[in-house]
Structures are given as C-alpha cells and as structure tokens.
Amino acid sequence: MVGFVYTRRMSDRFSSSISFSAEARRAFYEGHPSLALFMLLIVFMAPFAGLYVAGLLGVVVGVLVSAAAYVLTPCLWKWLGG
C-alpha cells in the first residue's frame, strides 16, 4: 500500500494483508527497538547455528527460519496482544 504510515495513534487492528507489507514491518520494528535488535540477532545467528548443527542443510533451514521470524513477528506480537 503506497503511502501507508503506521502511527501509535492508529488502531493496532489493521488487516493481516497490510501487516505483511514492508511498510508495516518497518513501522513495527521502528516502534519496538529492543525487539528489532533481538530480530537482528536471530536473522544473523540462525544460519550459523544451522551450520554448526547440521552443515549446509542447516544453513538453508536457518535462513528460512530467520526470514519467517522477521516477517511473522509483527503478526505474532499483535496476536499476543503486545
């Protein structure tokens, strides 16, 4: 959605299609800096953990897990009532 800016004054009950947009994710992580730092750690460490545990297949799984975590965390946070 072009030009969509999420502010704290807006309702947290926006549709799931909007919450998957890059703008909504960016706004979410800007509003939750400690969670953004945690997600950076997951995104960078999951492939290395996969490499350590299972080799090259673990790296692929680690990349997929970190990408899914990055995309789904705002939805999960909203679902948990955060």
C-alpha atoms as a PDB file:
ATOM      1  CA  MET A   1       0.000   0.000   0.000  1.00  0.00           C
ATOM      2  CA  VAL A   2       1.667   3.191  -1.134  1.00  0.00           C
ATOM      3  CA  GLY A   3       1.947   5.995   1.385  1.00  0.00           C
ATOM      4  CA  PHE A   4       0.798   3.954   4.391  1.00  0.00           C
ATOM      5  CA  VAL A   5       2.372   5.199   7.606  1.00  0.00           C
ATOM      6  CA  TYR A   6       1.610   3.446  10.868  1.00  0.00           C
ATOM      7  CA  THR A   7       1.499   5.668  13.931  1.00  0.00           C
ATOM      8  CA  ARG A   8       0.856   4.831  17.561  1.00  0.00           C
ATOM      9  CA  ARG A   9      -2.434   6.755  17.421  1.00  0.00           C
ATOM     10  CA  MET A  10      -3.814   4.373  14.811  1.00  0.00           C
ATOM     11  CA  SER A  11      -5.580   1.235  15.861  1.00  0.00           C
ATOM     12  CA  ASP A  12      -3.481  -1.928  16.174  1.00  0.00           C
ATOM     13  CA  ARG A  13      -6.248  -3.830  14.427  1.00  0.00           C
ATOM     14  CA  PHE A  14      -5.131  -3.316  10.847  1.00  0.00           C
ATOM     15  CA  SER A  15      -5.764  -6.098   8.368  1.00  0.00           C
ATOM     16  CA  SER A  16      -3.362  -9.001   8.009  1.00  0.00           C
ATOM     17  CA  SER A  17      -2.639  -8.132   4.370  1.00  0.00           C
ATOM     18  CA  ILE A  18      -1.380  -4.712   5.428  1.00  0.00           C
ATOM     19  CA  SER A  19       0.622  -6.164   8.314  1.00  0.00           C
ATOM     20  CA  PHE A  20       2.644  -8.271   5.852  1.00  0.00           C
ATOM     21  CA  SER A  21       3.677  -5.189   3.879  1.00  0.00           C
ATOM     22  CA  ALA A  22       7.216  -3.888   4.120  1.00  0.00           C
ATOM     23  CA  GLU A  23       5.997  -0.506   5.389  1.00  0.00           C
ATOM     24  CA  ALA A  24       4.037  -2.074   8.241  1.00  0.00           C
ATOM     25  CA  ARG A  25       7.022  -4.236   9.246  1.00  0.00           C
ATOM     26  CA  ARG A  26       9.350  -1.227   9.131  1.00  0.00           C
ATOM     27  CA  ALA A  27       6.980   0.827  11.274  1.00  0.00           C
ATOM     28  CA  PHE A  28       6.580  -2.057  13.725  1.00  0.00           C
ATOM     29  CA  TYR A  29      10.320  -2.516  14.193  1.00  0.00           C
ATOM     30  CA  GLU A  30      10.865   1.252  14.479  1.00  0.00           C
ATOM     31  CA  GLY A  31       8.264   1.305  17.241  1.00  0.00           C
ATOM     32  CA  HIS A  32       9.852  -1.654  19.058  1.00  0.00           C
ATOM     33  CA  PRO A  33      13.640  -1.071  19.013  1.00  0.00           C
ATOM     34  CA  SER A  34      14.506  -3.804  21.534  1.00  0.00           C
ATOM     35  CA  LEU A  35      12.517  -6.352  19.536  1.00  0.00           C
ATOM     36  CA  ALA A  36      14.242  -5.130  16.360  1.00  0.00           C
ATOM     37  CA  LEU A  37      17.631  -5.766  17.958  1.00  0.00           C
ATOM     38  CA  PHE A  38      16.537  -9.247  19.005  1.00  0.00           C
ATOM     39  CA  MET A  39      15.365  -9.958  15.455  1.00  0.00           C
ATOM     40  CA  LEU A  40      18.719  -8.809  14.066  1.00  0.00           C
ATOM     41  CA  LEU A  41      20.426 -11.330  16.319  1.00  0.00           C
ATOM     42  CA  ILE A  42      18.099 -14.102  15.145  1.00  0.00           C
ATOM     43  CA  VAL A  43      18.470 -13.190  11.474  1.00  0.00           C
ATOM     44  CA  PHE A  44      22.264 -13.225  11.638  1.00  0.00           C
ATOM     45  CA  MET A  45      22.797 -16.096  14.084  1.00  0.00           C
ATOM     46  CA  ALA A  46      20.276 -18.683  12.822  1.00  0.00           C
ATOM     47  CA  PRO A  47      22.267 -19.620   9.686  1.00  0.00           C
ATOM     48  CA  PHE A  48      25.457 -20.002  11.732  1.00  0.00           C
ATOM     49  CA  ALA A  49      23.637 -22.124  14.288  1.00  0.00           C
ATOM     50  CA  GLY A  50      22.306 -24.242  11.444  1.00  0.00           C
ATOM     51  CA  LEU A  51      25.803 -24.624  10.025  1.00  0.00           C
ATOM     52  CA  TYR A  52      27.114 -25.733  13.399  1.00  0.00           C
ATOM     53  CA  VAL A  53      24.306 -28.245  13.957  1.00  0.00           C
ATOM     54  CA  ALA A  54      23.595 -29.683  10.514  1.00  0.00           C
ATOM     55  CA  GLY A  55      26.009 -28.343   7.902  1.00  0.00           C
ATOM     56  CA  LEU A  56      24.851 -26.818   4.638  1.00  0.00           C
ATOM     57  CA  LEU A  57      21.261 -28.015   5.008  1.00  0.00           C
ATOM     58  CA  GLY A  58      21.211 -26.349   8.431  1.00  0.00           C
ATOM     59  CA  VAL A  59      22.269 -23.053   6.841  1.00  0.00           C
ATOM     60  CA  VAL A  60      19.332 -23.241   4.436  1.00  0.00           C
ATOM     61  CA  VAL A  61      16.935 -24.052   7.278  1.00  0.00           C
ATOM     62  CA  GLY A  62      18.457 -21.260   9.385  1.00  0.00           C
ATOM     63  CA  VAL A  63      17.939 -18.711   6.615  1.00  0.00           C
ATOM     64  CA  LEU A  64      14.330 -19.835   6.142  1.00  0.00           C
ATOM     65  CA  VAL A  65      13.636 -19.710   9.888  1.00  0.00           C
ATOM     66  CA  SER A  66      15.173 -16.260  10.267  1.00  0.00           C
ATOM     67  CA  ALA A  67      13.224 -14.895   7.284  1.00  0.00           C
ATOM     68  CA  ALA A  68       9.971 -16.342   8.632  1.00  0.00           C
ATOM     69  CA  ALA A  69      10.670 -14.916  12.081  1.00  0.00           C
ATOM     70  CA  TYR A  70      11.348 -11.472  10.627  1.00  0.00           C
ATOM     71  CA  VAL A  71       8.098 -11.463   8.647  1.00  0.00           C
ATOM     72  CA  LEU A  72       5.832 -13.136  11.207  1.00  0.00           C
ATOM     73  CA  THR A  73       6.976 -11.438  14.434  1.00  0.00           C
ATOM     74  CA  PRO A  74       4.761  -8.319  13.979  1.00  0.00           C
ATOM     75  CA  CYS A  75       1.713 -10.557  13.415  1.00  0.00           C
ATOM     76  CA  LEU A  76       2.582 -12.753  16.373  1.00  0.00           C
ATOM     77  CA  TRP A  77       3.138  -9.682  18.565  1.00  0.00           C
ATOM     78  CA  LYS A  78      -0.282  -8.329  17.587  1.00  0.00           C
ATOM     79  CA  TRP A  79      -1.885 -11.737  18.165  1.00  0.00           C
ATOM     80  CA  LEU A  80      -0.337 -11.962  21.659  1.00  0.00           C
ATOM     81  CA  GLY A  81      -1.676  -8.505  22.475  1.00  0.00           C
ATOM     82  CA  GLY A  82       1.696  -6.731  22.686  1.00  0.00           C
END
